[in-house]
Amino acid sequence: MPRDADPVSLAQVIRRAVEAADPDGTDPRLGDLAQEFEDDDEPVSGVDQLDEVLAEAELDVDTDGEDPAVALAIAVARYLAGHRGAVEADDDHVITQAVRWQWRGSAPGDVEDLLADRGLGG
């Protein structure tokens, strides 16, 4: 009998979101975001008020809301929390789906610019 898939932790979701948003690992704010959750092994499905947790984390690392990569990573994390099977999908797919899901396909201008730089839209 097949067993259920292992639950995905909040740390895994954040780590994967950061990898997708910053594949080169050059954005220090995203490094801070990943570090903030590095030991959070709670299954993401069990996190109470996940949107609030993610919103607080976003403000912790980007108080002015000026880093489009942080906004993208948070959007990806929200998407992955609701679509845990996508954790293993490639970056472009995860990002495209997260933008559709978070912003109904029309991301804010600075995020659109970031996506265009990566060849994903704009």
PDB file of N, CA and C in Angstrom:
ATOM      1  N   MET A   1       0.845  -1.167   0.000  1.00  0.00           N
ATOM      2  CA  MET A   1       0.000   0.000   0.000  1.00  0.00           C
ATOM      3  C   MET A   1       0.900   1.244   0.000  1.00  0.00           C
ATOM      4  N   PRO A   2       0.670   2.207  -0.910  1.00  0.00           N
ATOM      5  CA  PRO A   2       1.498   3.403  -0.923  1.00  0.00           C
ATOM      6  C   PRO A   2       1.237   4.257   0.305  1.00  0.00           C
ATOM      7  N   ARG A   3       2.289   4.851   0.794  1.00  0.00           N
ATOM      8  CA  ARG A   3       2.119   5.710   1.965  1.00  0.00           C
ATOM      9  C   ARG A   3       1.930   7.150   1.514  1.00  0.00           C
ATOM     10  N   ASP A   4       1.352   7.937   2.386  1.00  0.00           N
ATOM     11  CA  ASP A   4       1.156   9.350   2.073  1.00  0.00           C
ATOM     12  C   ASP A   4       2.509  10.039   1.971  1.00  0.00           C
ATOM     13  N   ALA A   5       2.560  11.065   1.153  1.00  0.00           N
ATOM     14  CA  ALA A   5       3.795  11.837   1.009  1.00  0.00           C
ATOM     15  C   ALA A   5       4.134  12.514   2.332  1.00  0.00           C
ATOM     16  N   ASP A   6       5.419  12.678   2.571  1.00  0.00           N
ATOM     17  CA  ASP A   6       5.850  13.380   3.770  1.00  0.00           C
ATOM     18  C   ASP A   6       5.352  14.812   3.724  1.00  0.00           C
ATOM     19  N   PRO A   7       4.972  15.362   4.863  1.00  0.00           N
ATOM     20  CA  PRO A   7       4.520  16.754   4.866  1.00  0.00           C
ATOM     21  C   PRO A   7       5.673  17.693   4.521  1.00  0.00           C
ATOM     22  N   VAL A   8       5.321  18.822   3.961  1.00  0.00           N
ATOM     23  CA  VAL A   8       6.307  19.842   3.601  1.00  0.00           C
ATOM     24  C   VAL A   8       6.354  20.864   4.730  1.00  0.00           C
ATOM     25  N   SER A   9       7.546  21.147   5.219  1.00  0.00           N
ATOM     26  CA  SER A   9       7.679  22.086   6.335  1.00  0.00           C
ATOM     27  C   SER A   9       7.676  23.527   5.835  1.00  0.00           C
ATOM     28  N   LEU A  10       7.386  24.440   6.750  1.00  0.00           N
ATOM     29  CA  LEU A  10       7.446  25.853   6.430  1.00  0.00           C
ATOM     30  C   LEU A  10       8.855  26.229   5.984  1.00  0.00           C
ATOM     31  N   ALA A  11       9.864  25.675   6.623  1.00  0.00           N
ATOM     32  CA  ALA A  11      11.250  25.957   6.228  1.00  0.00           C
ATOM     33  C   ALA A  11      11.507  25.516   4.787  1.00  0.00           C
ATOM     34  N   GLN A  12      10.993  24.359   4.388  1.00  0.00           N
ATOM     35  CA  GLN A  12      11.174  23.886   3.010  1.00  0.00           C
ATOM     36  C   GLN A  12      10.482  24.816   2.018  1.00  0.00           C
ATOM     37  N   VAL A  13       9.280  25.254   2.354  1.00  0.00           N
ATOM     38  CA  VAL A  13       8.540  26.148   1.463  1.00  0.00           C
ATOM     39  C   VAL A  13       9.289  27.466   1.292  1.00  0.00           C
ATOM     40  N   ILE A  14       9.761  28.036   2.381  1.00  0.00           N
ATOM     41  CA  ILE A  14      10.485  29.304   2.308  1.00  0.00           C
ATOM     42  C   ILE A  14      11.791  29.120   1.547  1.00  0.00           C
ATOM     43  N   ARG A  15      12.520  28.075   1.855  1.00  0.00           N
ATOM     44  CA  ARG A  15      13.792  27.817   1.162  1.00  0.00           C
ATOM     45  C   ARG A  15      13.562  27.676  -0.343  1.00  0.00           C
ATOM     46  N   ARG A  16      12.537  26.948  -0.725  1.00  0.00           N
ATOM     47  CA  ARG A  16      12.238  26.758  -2.147  1.00  0.00           C
ATOM     48  C   ARG A  16      11.797  28.064  -2.799  1.00  0.00           C
ATOM     49  N   ALA A  17      11.017  28.864  -2.086  1.00  0.00           N
ATOM     50  CA  ALA A  17      10.577  30.157  -2.612  1.00  0.00           C
ATOM     51  C   ALA A  17      11.760  31.089  -2.822  1.00  0.00           C
ATOM     52  N   VAL A  18      12.690  31.087  -1.889  1.00  0.00           N
ATOM     53  CA  VAL A  18      13.887  31.925  -2.007  1.00  0.00           C
ATOM     54  C   VAL A  18      14.743  31.450  -3.173  1.00  0.00           C
ATOM     55  N   GLU A  19      14.901  30.158  -3.331  1.00  0.00           N
ATOM     56  CA  GLU A  19      15.683  29.616  -4.459  1.00  0.00           C
ATOM     57  C   GLU A  19      15.070  30.026  -5.793  1.00  0.00           C
ATOM     58  N   ALA A  20      13.754  29.983  -5.880  1.00  0.00           N
ATOM     59  CA  ALA A  20      13.085  30.347  -7.129  1.00  0.00           C
ATOM     60  C   ALA A  20      13.215  31.837  -7.419  1.00  0.00           C
ATOM     61  N   ALA A  21      13.056  32.658  -6.394  1.00  0.00           N
ATOM     62  CA  ALA A  21      13.100  34.112  -6.580  1.00  0.00           C
ATOM     63  C   ALA A  21      14.514  34.632  -6.778  1.00  0.00           C
ATOM     64  N   ASP A  22      15.497  33.952  -6.224  1.00  0.00           N
ATOM     65  CA  ASP A  22      16.888  34.411  -6.277  1.00  0.00           C
ATOM     66  C   ASP A  22      17.812  33.229  -6.558  1.00  0.00           C
ATOM     67  N   PRO A  23      17.767  32.695  -7.783  1.00  0.00           N
ATOM     68  CA  PRO A  23      18.542  31.487  -8.067  1.00  0.00           C
ATOM     69  C   PRO A  23      20.047  31.644  -7.890  1.00  0.00           C
ATOM     70  N   ASP A  24      20.547  32.869  -7.993  1.00  0.00           N
ATOM     71  CA  ASP A  24      21.980  33.097  -7.805  1.00  0.00           C
ATOM     72  C   ASP A  24      22.348  33.299  -6.340  1.00  0.00           C
ATOM     73  N   GLY A  25      21.365  33.452  -5.481  1.00  0.00           N
ATOM     74  CA  GLY A  25      21.623  33.645  -4.057  1.00  0.00           C
ATOM     75  C   GLY A  25      22.313  34.957  -3.746  1.00  0.00           C
ATOM     76  N   THR A  26      21.979  36.022  -4.485  1.00  0.00           N
ATOM     77  CA  THR A  26      22.678  37.299  -4.318  1.00  0.00           C
ATOM     78  C   THR A  26      21.896  38.349  -3.534  1.00  0.00           C
ATOM     79  N   ASP A  27      20.627  38.128  -3.269  1.00  0.00           N
ATOM     80  CA  ASP A  27      19.816  39.122  -2.565  1.00  0.00           C
ATOM     81  C   ASP A  27      19.929  38.876  -1.061  1.00  0.00           C
ATOM     82  N   PRO A  28      20.595  39.781  -0.340  1.00  0.00           N
ATOM     83  CA  PRO A  28      20.783  39.546   1.096  1.00  0.00           C
ATOM     84  C   PRO A  28      19.473  39.511   1.872  1.00  0.00           C
ATOM     85  N   ARG A  29      18.466  40.218   1.402  1.00  0.00           N
ATOM     86  CA  ARG A  29      17.173  40.182   2.099  1.00  0.00           C
ATOM     87  C   ARG A  29      16.551  38.799   2.003  1.00  0.00           C
ATOM     88  N   LEU A  30      16.704  38.161   0.861  1.00  0.00           N
ATOM     89  CA  LEU A  30      16.168  36.806   0.727  1.00  0.00           C
ATOM     90  C   LEU A  30      16.967  35.814   1.563  1.00  0.00           C
ATOM     91  N   GLY A  31      18.249  36.067   1.693  1.00  0.00           N
ATOM     92  CA  GLY A  31      19.047  35.247   2.609  1.00  0.00           C
ATOM     93  C   GLY A  31      18.543  35.387   4.035  1.00  0.00           C
ATOM     94  N   ASP A  32      18.204  36.615   4.418  1.00  0.00           N
ATOM     95  CA  ASP A  32      17.638  36.849   5.750  1.00  0.00           C
ATOM     96  C   ASP A  32      16.292  36.154   5.912  1.00  0.00           C
ATOM     97  N   LEU A  33      15.475  36.190   4.855  1.00  0.00           N
ATOM     98  CA  LEU A  33      14.171  35.531   4.903  1.00  0.00           C
ATOM     99  C   LEU A  33      14.341  34.030   5.109  1.00  0.00           C
ATOM    100  N   ALA A  34      15.221  33.419   4.356  1.00  0.00           N
ATOM    101  CA  ALA A  34      15.461  31.979   4.504  1.00  0.00           C
ATOM    102  C   ALA A  34      15.976  31.656   5.898  1.00  0.00           C
ATOM    103  N   GLN A  35      16.861  32.496   6.393  1.00  0.00           N
ATOM    104  CA  GLN A  35      17.433  32.268   7.716  1.00  0.00           C
ATOM    105  C   GLN A  35      16.378  32.393   8.810  1.00  0.00           C
ATOM    106  N   GLU A  36      15.430  33.299   8.633  1.00  0.00           N
ATOM    107  CA  GLU A  36      14.375  33.499   9.628  1.00  0.00           C
ATOM    108  C   GLU A  36      13.561  32.220   9.856  1.00  0.00           C
ATOM    109  N   PHE A  37      13.432  31.397   8.827  1.00  0.00           N
ATOM    110  CA  PHE A  37      12.608  30.193   8.916  1.00  0.00           C
ATOM    111  C   PHE A  37      13.412  28.896   8.878  1.00  0.00           C
ATOM    112  N   GLU A  38      14.737  28.971   8.918  1.00  0.00           N
ATOM    113  CA  GLU A  38      15.561  27.790   8.682  1.00  0.00           C
ATOM    114  C   GLU A  38      15.293  26.631   9.635  1.00  0.00           C
ATOM    115  N   ASP A  39      14.839  26.902  10.841  1.00  0.00           N
ATOM    116  CA  ASP A  39      14.596  25.830  11.805  1.00  0.00           C
ATOM    117  C   ASP A  39      13.114  25.537  12.009  1.00  0.00           C
ATOM    118  N   ASP A  40      12.251  26.094  11.168  1.00  0.00           N
ATOM    119  CA  ASP A  40      10.812  25.926  11.329  1.00  0.00           C
ATOM    120  C   ASP A  40      10.353  24.673  10.594  1.00  0.00           C
ATOM    121  N   ASP A  41      10.407  23.557  11.306  1.00  0.00           N
ATOM    122  CA  ASP A  41      10.100  22.257  10.711  1.00  0.00           C
ATOM    123  C   ASP A  41       8.628  21.884  10.802  1.00  0.00           C
ATOM    124  N   GLU A  42       7.790  22.798  11.283  1.00  0.00           N
ATOM    125  CA  GLU A  42       6.357  22.537  11.358  1.00  0.00           C
ATOM    126  C   GLU A  42       5.796  22.361   9.947  1.00  0.00           C
ATOM    127  N   PRO A  43       4.946  21.367   9.746  1.00  0.00           N
ATOM    128  CA  PRO A  43       4.318  21.239   8.423  1.00  0.00           C
ATOM    129  C   PRO A  43       3.580  22.529   8.066  1.00  0.00           C
ATOM    130  N   VAL A  44       3.773  22.985   6.854  1.00  0.00           N
ATOM    131  CA  VAL A  44       3.173  24.260   6.438  1.00  0.00           C
ATOM    132  C   VAL A  44       1.655  24.198   6.532  1.00  0.00           C
ATOM    133  N   SER A  45       1.099  23.018   6.357  1.00  0.00           N
ATOM    134  CA  SER A  45      -0.356  22.879   6.449  1.00  0.00           C
ATOM    135  C   SER A  45      -0.874  23.126   7.864  1.00  0.00           C
ATOM    136  N   GLY A  46      -0.005  23.077   8.856  1.00  0.00           N
ATOM    137  CA  GLY A  46      -0.418  23.288  10.238  1.00  0.00           C
ATOM    138  C   GLY A  46      -0.108  24.667  10.788  1.00  0.00           C
ATOM    139  N   VAL A  47       0.423  25.549   9.956  1.00  0.00           N
ATOM    140  CA  VAL A  47       0.783  26.886  10.429  1.00  0.00           C
ATOM    141  C   VAL A  47      -0.477  27.742  10.519  1.00  0.00           C
ATOM    142  N   ASP A  48      -0.779  28.195  11.734  1.00  0.00           N
ATOM    143  CA  ASP A  48      -1.928  29.075  11.924  1.00  0.00           C
ATOM    144  C   ASP A  48      -1.629  30.439  11.339  1.00  0.00           C
ATOM    145  N   GLN A  49      -2.599  31.002  10.658  1.00  0.00           N
ATOM    146  CA  GLN A  49      -2.512  32.347  10.100  1.00  0.00           C
ATOM    147  C   GLN A  49      -1.252  32.538   9.255  1.00  0.00           C
ATOM    148  N   LEU A  50      -1.066  31.629   8.311  1.00  0.00           N
ATOM    149  CA  LEU A  50       0.134  31.644   7.469  1.00  0.00           C
ATOM    150  C   LEU A  50       0.310  32.981   6.752  1.00  0.00           C
ATOM    151  N   ASP A  51      -0.769  33.556   6.247  1.00  0.00           N
ATOM    152  CA  ASP A  51      -0.646  34.840   5.551  1.00  0.00           C
ATOM    153  C   ASP A  51      -0.052  35.911   6.459  1.00  0.00           C
ATOM    154  N   GLU A  52      -0.477  35.926   7.711  1.00  0.00           N
ATOM    155  CA  GLU A  52       0.068  36.903   8.653  1.00  0.00           C
ATOM    156  C   GLU A  52       1.539  36.627   8.958  1.00  0.00           C
ATOM    157  N   VAL A  53       1.883  35.360   9.097  1.00  0.00           N
ATOM    158  CA  VAL A  53       3.283  34.969   9.348  1.00  0.00           C
ATOM    159  C   VAL A  53       4.162  35.442   8.188  1.00  0.00           C
ATOM    160  N   LEU A  54       3.695  35.212   6.966  1.00  0.00           N
ATOM    161  CA  LEU A  54       4.473  35.612   5.794  1.00  0.00           C
ATOM    162  C   LEU A  54       4.529  37.136   5.652  1.00  0.00           C
ATOM    163  N   ALA A  55       3.426  37.813   5.943  1.00  0.00           N
ATOM    164  CA  ALA A  55       3.413  39.274   5.862  1.00  0.00           C
ATOM    165  C   ALA A  55       4.385  39.885   6.872  1.00  0.00           C
ATOM    166  N   GLU A  56       4.418  39.341   8.072  1.00  0.00           N
ATOM    167  CA  GLU A  56       5.372  39.825   9.084  1.00  0.00           C
ATOM    168  C   GLU A  56       6.809  39.585   8.638  1.00  0.00           C
ATOM    169  N   ALA A  57       7.064  38.416   8.108  1.00  0.00           N
ATOM    170  CA  ALA A  57       8.418  38.090   7.647  1.00  0.00           C
ATOM    171  C   ALA A  57       8.829  39.018   6.515  1.00  0.00           C
ATOM    172  N   GLU A  58       7.896  39.317   5.620  1.00  0.00           N
ATOM    173  CA  GLU A  58       8.191  40.235   4.514  1.00  0.00           C
ATOM    174  C   GLU A  58       8.587  41.610   5.055  1.00  0.00           C
ATOM    175  N   LEU A  59       7.850  42.089   6.043  1.00  0.00           N
ATOM    176  CA  LEU A  59       8.179  43.389   6.636  1.00  0.00           C
ATOM    177  C   LEU A  59       9.492  43.341   7.415  1.00  0.00           C
ATOM    178  N   ASP A  60       9.792  42.210   8.028  1.00  0.00           N
ATOM    179  CA  ASP A  60      11.047  42.066   8.765  1.00  0.00           C
ATOM    180  C   ASP A  60      12.260  42.254   7.860  1.00  0.00           C
ATOM    181  N   VAL A  61      12.178  41.722   6.645  1.00  0.00           N
ATOM    182  CA  VAL A  61      13.354  41.756   5.761  1.00  0.00           C
ATOM    183  C   VAL A  61      13.309  42.896   4.750  1.00  0.00           C
ATOM    184  N   ASP A  62      12.139  43.483   4.537  1.00  0.00           N
ATOM    185  CA  ASP A  62      11.994  44.560   3.552  1.00  0.00           C
ATOM    186  C   ASP A  62      10.971  45.571   4.077  1.00  0.00           C
ATOM    187  N   THR A  63      11.383  46.347   5.064  1.00  0.00           N
ATOM    188  CA  THR A  63      10.456  47.248   5.757  1.00  0.00           C
ATOM    189  C   THR A  63       9.826  48.277   4.837  1.00  0.00           C
ATOM    190  N   ASP A  64      10.509  48.672   3.778  1.00  0.00           N
ATOM    191  CA  ASP A  64       9.975  49.670   2.861  1.00  0.00           C
ATOM    192  C   ASP A  64       9.210  49.062   1.693  1.00  0.00           C
ATOM    193  N   GLY A  65       9.221  47.743   1.573  1.00  0.00           N
ATOM    194  CA  GLY A  65       8.523  47.082   0.481  1.00  0.00           C
ATOM    195  C   GLY A  65       9.091  47.420  -0.883  1.00  0.00           C
ATOM    196  N   GLU A  66      10.408  47.603  -0.945  1.00  0.00           N
ATOM    197  CA  GLU A  66      11.047  48.033  -2.188  1.00  0.00           C
ATOM    198  C   GLU A  66      11.789  46.934  -2.938  1.00  0.00           C
ATOM    199  N   ASP A  67      11.869  45.747  -2.383  1.00  0.00           N
ATOM    200  CA  ASP A  67      12.625  44.672  -3.022  1.00  0.00           C
ATOM    201  C   ASP A  67      11.665  43.731  -3.740  1.00  0.00           C
ATOM    202  N   PRO A  68      11.608  43.800  -5.074  1.00  0.00           N
ATOM    203  CA  PRO A  68      10.662  42.950  -5.797  1.00  0.00           C
ATOM    204  C   PRO A  68      10.948  41.461  -5.626  1.00  0.00           C
ATOM    205  N   ALA A  69      12.196  41.106  -5.376  1.00  0.00           N
ATOM    206  CA  ALA A  69      12.517  39.697  -5.175  1.00  0.00           C
ATOM    207  C   ALA A  69      11.897  39.179  -3.881  1.00  0.00           C
ATOM    208  N   VAL A  70      11.820  40.027  -2.864  1.00  0.00           N
ATOM    209  CA  VAL A  70      11.165  39.621  -1.612  1.00  0.00           C
ATOM    210  C   VAL A  70       9.670  39.423  -1.860  1.00  0.00           C
ATOM    211  N   ALA A  71       9.045  40.369  -2.557  1.00  0.00           N
ATOM    212  CA  ALA A  71       7.618  40.224  -2.877  1.00  0.00           C
ATOM    213  C   ALA A  71       7.369  38.945  -3.675  1.00  0.00           C
ATOM    214  N   LEU A  72       8.242  38.659  -4.611  1.00  0.00           N
ATOM    215  CA  LEU A  72       8.105  37.452  -5.410  1.00  0.00           C
ATOM    216  C   LEU A  72       8.276  36.200  -4.554  1.00  0.00           C
ATOM    217  N   ALA A  73       9.272  36.198  -3.696  1.00  0.00           N
ATOM    218  CA  ALA A  73       9.502  35.036  -2.834  1.00  0.00           C
ATOM    219  C   ALA A  73       8.309  34.777  -1.922  1.00  0.00           C
ATOM    220  N   ILE A  74       7.722  35.823  -1.375  1.00  0.00           N
ATOM    221  CA  ILE A  74       6.555  35.666  -0.517  1.00  0.00           C
ATOM    222  C   ILE A  74       5.382  35.118  -1.333  1.00  0.00           C
ATOM    223  N   ALA A  75       5.206  35.619  -2.548  1.00  0.00           N
ATOM    224  CA  ALA A  75       4.143  35.105  -3.419  1.00  0.00           C
ATOM    225  C   ALA A  75       4.367  33.628  -3.721  1.00  0.00           C
ATOM    226  N   VAL A  76       5.600  33.253  -4.002  1.00  0.00           N
ATOM    227  CA  VAL A  76       5.920  31.850  -4.277  1.00  0.00           C
ATOM    228  C   VAL A  76       5.658  31.002  -3.030  1.00  0.00           C
ATOM    229  N   ALA A  77       6.047  31.507  -1.866  1.00  0.00           N
ATOM    230  CA  ALA A  77       5.807  30.756  -0.625  1.00  0.00           C
ATOM    231  C   ALA A  77       4.311  30.540  -0.402  1.00  0.00           C
ATOM    232  N   ARG A  78       3.522  31.585  -0.627  1.00  0.00           N
ATOM    233  CA  ARG A  78       2.066  31.432  -0.482  1.00  0.00           C
ATOM    234  C   ARG A  78       1.534  30.388  -1.464  1.00  0.00           C
ATOM    235  N   TYR A  79       2.001  30.445  -2.682  1.00  0.00           N
ATOM    236  CA  TYR A  79       1.569  29.479  -3.688  1.00  0.00           C
ATOM    237  C   TYR A  79       1.954  28.061  -3.270  1.00  0.00           C
ATOM    238  N   LEU A  80       3.206  27.869  -2.883  1.00  0.00           N
ATOM    239  CA  LEU A  80       3.673  26.534  -2.519  1.00  0.00           C
ATOM    240  C   LEU A  80       2.969  25.999  -1.280  1.00  0.00           C
ATOM    241  N   ALA A  81       2.606  26.882  -0.360  1.00  0.00           N
ATOM    242  CA  ALA A  81       1.887  26.442   0.833  1.00  0.00           C
ATOM    243  C   ALA A  81       0.541  25.828   0.463  1.00  0.00           C
ATOM    244  N   GLY A  82      -0.069  26.348  -0.579  1.00  0.00           N
ATOM    245  CA  GLY A  82      -1.346  25.825  -1.022  1.00  0.00           C
ATOM    246  C   GLY A  82      -1.246  24.767  -2.103  1.00  0.00           C
ATOM    247  N   HIS A  83      -0.071  24.628  -2.676  1.00  0.00           N
ATOM    248  CA  HIS A  83       0.159  23.676  -3.773  1.00  0.00           C
ATOM    249  C   HIS A  83       1.474  22.934  -3.494  1.00  0.00           C
ATOM    250  N   ARG A  84       1.490  22.175  -2.420  1.00  0.00           N
ATOM    251  CA  ARG A  84       2.728  21.557  -1.952  1.00  0.00           C
ATOM    252  C   ARG A  84       3.349  20.612  -2.957  1.00  0.00           C
ATOM    253  N   GLY A  85       2.569  20.067  -3.849  1.00  0.00           N
ATOM    254  CA  GLY A  85       3.113  19.190  -4.875  1.00  0.00           C
ATOM    255  C   GLY A  85       4.007  19.917  -5.856  1.00  0.00           C
ATOM    256  N   ALA A  86       3.917  21.249  -5.889  1.00  0.00           N
ATOM    257  CA  ALA A  86       4.728  22.050  -6.814  1.00  0.00           C
ATOM    258  C   ALA A  86       6.117  22.363  -6.266  1.00  0.00           C
ATOM    259  N   VAL A  87       6.408  21.935  -5.058  1.00  0.00           N
ATOM    260  CA  VAL A  87       7.717  22.227  -4.460  1.00  0.00           C
ATOM    261  C   VAL A  87       8.850  21.723  -5.349  1.00  0.00           C
ATOM    262  N   GLU A  88       8.628  20.624  -6.028  1.00  0.00           N
ATOM    263  CA  GLU A  88       9.674  20.039  -6.870  1.00  0.00           C
ATOM    264  C   GLU A  88       9.656  20.555  -8.308  1.00  0.00           C
ATOM    265  N   ALA A  89       8.701  21.398  -8.657  1.00  0.00           N
ATOM    266  CA  ALA A  89       8.613  21.920 -10.027  1.00  0.00           C
ATOM    267  C   ALA A  89       9.757  22.889 -10.298  1.00  0.00           C
ATOM    268  N   ASP A  90      10.024  23.125 -11.589  1.00  0.00           N
ATOM    269  CA  ASP A  90      11.117  24.035 -11.928  1.00  0.00           C
ATOM    270  C   ASP A  90      10.744  25.478 -11.582  1.00  0.00           C
ATOM    271  N   ASP A  91      11.769  26.303 -11.431  1.00  0.00           N
ATOM    272  CA  ASP A  91      11.593  27.692 -10.988  1.00  0.00           C
ATOM    273  C   ASP A  91      10.608  28.463 -11.855  1.00  0.00           C
ATOM    274  N   ASP A  92      10.763  28.394 -13.168  1.00  0.00           N
ATOM    275  CA  ASP A  92       9.902  29.175 -14.055  1.00  0.00           C
ATOM    276  C   ASP A  92       8.438  28.801 -13.874  1.00  0.00           C
ATOM    277  N   HIS A  93       8.163  27.526 -13.761  1.00  0.00           N
ATOM    278  CA  HIS A  93       6.789  27.076 -13.570  1.00  0.00           C
ATOM    279  C   HIS A  93       6.230  27.592 -12.240  1.00  0.00           C
ATOM    280  N   VAL A  94       6.998  27.426 -11.176  1.00  0.00           N
ATOM    281  CA  VAL A  94       6.552  27.848  -9.851  1.00  0.00           C
ATOM    282  C   VAL A  94       6.293  29.354  -9.835  1.00  0.00           C
ATOM    283  N   ILE A  95       7.205  30.117 -10.410  1.00  0.00           N
ATOM    284  CA  ILE A  95       7.046  31.570 -10.429  1.00  0.00           C
ATOM    285  C   ILE A  95       5.829  31.976 -11.247  1.00  0.00           C
ATOM    286  N   THR A  96       5.682  31.410 -12.428  1.00  0.00           N
ATOM    287  CA  THR A  96       4.543  31.733 -13.285  1.00  0.00           C
ATOM    288  C   THR A  96       3.226  31.435 -12.574  1.00  0.00           C
ATOM    289  N   GLN A  97       3.153  30.289 -11.955  1.00  0.00           N
ATOM    290  CA  GLN A  97       1.928  29.926 -11.240  1.00  0.00           C
ATOM    291  C   GLN A  97       1.700  30.816 -10.022  1.00  0.00           C
ATOM    292  N   ALA A  98       2.756  31.148  -9.310  1.00  0.00           N
ATOM    293  CA  ALA A  98       2.622  32.014  -8.131  1.00  0.00           C
ATOM    294  C   ALA A  98       2.129  33.401  -8.517  1.00  0.00           C
ATOM    295  N   VAL A  99       2.634  33.936  -9.626  1.00  0.00           N
ATOM    296  CA  VAL A  99       2.184  35.258 -10.090  1.00  0.00           C
ATOM    297  C   VAL A  99       0.712  35.191 -10.470  1.00  0.00           C
ATOM    298  N   ARG A 100       0.325  34.150 -11.147  1.00  0.00           N
ATOM    299  CA  ARG A 100      -1.097  33.992 -11.496  1.00  0.00           C
ATOM    300  C   ARG A 100      -1.964  33.896 -10.261  1.00  0.00           C
ATOM    301  N   TRP A 101      -1.493  33.162  -9.292  1.00  0.00           N
ATOM    302  CA  TRP A 101      -2.255  32.900  -8.085  1.00  0.00           C
ATOM    303  C   TRP A 101      -2.297  34.118  -7.172  1.00  0.00           C
ATOM    304  N   GLN A 102      -1.151  34.765  -6.960  1.00  0.00           N
ATOM    305  CA  GLN A 102      -1.052  35.892  -6.026  1.00  0.00           C
ATOM    306  C   GLN A 102      -1.643  37.173  -6.601  1.00  0.00           C
ATOM    307  N   TRP A 103      -1.308  37.473  -7.849  1.00  0.00           N
ATOM    308  CA  TRP A 103      -1.688  38.760  -8.436  1.00  0.00           C
ATOM    309  C   TRP A 103      -2.616  38.600  -9.639  1.00  0.00           C
ATOM    310  N   ARG A 104      -3.234  37.442  -9.769  1.00  0.00           N
ATOM    311  CA  ARG A 104      -4.130  37.153 -10.889  1.00  0.00           C
ATOM    312  C   ARG A 104      -3.448  37.417 -12.232  1.00  0.00           C
ATOM    313  N   GLY A 105      -2.148  37.111 -12.263  1.00  0.00           N
ATOM    314  CA  GLY A 105      -1.388  37.203 -13.502  1.00  0.00           C
ATOM    315  C   GLY A 105      -0.783  38.551 -13.795  1.00  0.00           C
ATOM    316  N   SER A 106      -1.073  39.555 -12.990  1.00  0.00           N
ATOM    317  CA  SER A 106      -0.554  40.900 -13.238  1.00  0.00           C
ATOM    318  C   SER A 106       0.184  41.409 -12.002  1.00  0.00           C
ATOM    319  N   ALA A 107       1.458  41.085 -11.931  1.00  0.00           N
ATOM    320  CA  ALA A 107       2.278  41.462 -10.779  1.00  0.00           C
ATOM    321  C   ALA A 107       2.535  42.960 -10.760  1.00  0.00           C
ATOM    322  N   PRO A 108       2.873  43.513  -9.603  1.00  0.00           N
ATOM    323  CA  PRO A 108       3.249  44.929  -9.523  1.00  0.00           C
ATOM    324  C   PRO A 108       4.414  45.233 -10.471  1.00  0.00           C
ATOM    325  N   GLY A 109       4.528  46.500 -10.876  1.00  0.00           N
ATOM    326  CA  GLY A 109       5.511  46.902 -11.875  1.00  0.00           C
ATOM    327  C   GLY A 109       6.932  46.461 -11.605  1.00  0.00           C
ATOM    328  N   ASP A 110       7.414  46.624 -10.372  1.00  0.00           N
ATOM    329  CA  ASP A 110       8.795  46.246 -10.083  1.00  0.00           C
ATOM    330  C   ASP A 110       8.996  44.734 -10.155  1.00  0.00           C
ATOM    331  N   VAL A 111       7.967  43.979  -9.793  1.00  0.00           N
ATOM    332  CA  VAL A 111       8.052  42.521  -9.919  1.00  0.00           C
ATOM    333  C   VAL A 111       8.006  42.136 -11.395  1.00  0.00           C
ATOM    334  N   GLU A 112       7.155  42.806 -12.182  1.00  0.00           N
ATOM    335  CA  GLU A 112       7.100  42.562 -13.627  1.00  0.00           C
ATOM    336  C   GLU A 112       8.467  42.821 -14.259  1.00  0.00           C
ATOM    337  N   ASP A 113       9.134  43.884 -13.816  1.00  0.00           N
ATOM    338  CA  ASP A 113      10.473  44.188 -14.342  1.00  0.00           C
ATOM    339  C   ASP A 113      11.457  43.062 -14.016  1.00  0.00           C
ATOM    340  N   LEU A 114      11.384  42.569 -12.794  1.00  0.00           N
ATOM    341  CA  LEU A 114      12.243  41.460 -12.372  1.00  0.00           C
ATOM    342  C   LEU A 114      11.965  40.222 -13.237  1.00  0.00           C
ATOM    343  N   LEU A 115      10.685  39.949 -13.447  1.00  0.00           N
ATOM    344  CA  LEU A 115      10.316  38.799 -14.276  1.00  0.00           C
ATOM    345  C   LEU A 115      10.790  38.971 -15.716  1.00  0.00           C
ATOM    346  N   ALA A 116      10.648  40.187 -16.237  1.00  0.00           N
ATOM    347  CA  ALA A 116      11.104  40.452 -17.608  1.00  0.00           C
ATOM    348  C   ALA A 116      12.613  40.238 -17.723  1.00  0.00           C
ATOM    349  N   ASP A 117      13.361  40.660 -16.706  1.00  0.00           N
ATOM    350  CA  ASP A 117      14.813  40.435 -16.705  1.00  0.00           C
ATOM    351  C   ASP A 117      15.149  38.949 -16.756  1.00  0.00           C
ATOM    352  N   ARG A 118      14.264  38.135 -16.221  1.00  0.00           N
ATOM    353  CA  ARG A 118      14.470  36.681 -16.221  1.00  0.00           C
ATOM    354  C   ARG A 118      13.819  36.009 -17.424  1.00  0.00           C
ATOM    355  N   GLY A 119      13.195  36.803 -18.291  1.00  0.00           N
ATOM    356  CA  GLY A 119      12.549  36.255 -19.474  1.00  0.00           C
ATOM    357  C   GLY A 119      11.214  35.597 -19.182  1.00  0.00           C
ATOM    358  N   LEU A 120      10.541  36.030 -18.112  1.00  0.00           N
ATOM    359  CA  LEU A 120       9.286  35.406 -17.710  1.00  0.00           C
ATOM    360  C   LEU A 120       8.071  36.284 -17.888  1.00  0.00           C
ATOM    361  N   GLY A 121       8.215  37.429 -18.458  1.00  0.00           N
ATOM    362  CA  GLY A 121       7.033  38.277 -18.634  1.00  0.00           C
ATOM    363  C   GLY A 121       7.456  39.697 -18.870  1.00  0.00           C
ATOM    364  N   GLY A 122       6.516  40.595 -18.637  1.00  0.00           N
ATOM    365  CA  GLY A 122       6.834  42.013 -18.738  1.00  0.00           C
ATOM    366  C   GLY A 122       6.366  42.647 -19.993  1.00  0.00           C
TER     367      GLY A 122
END
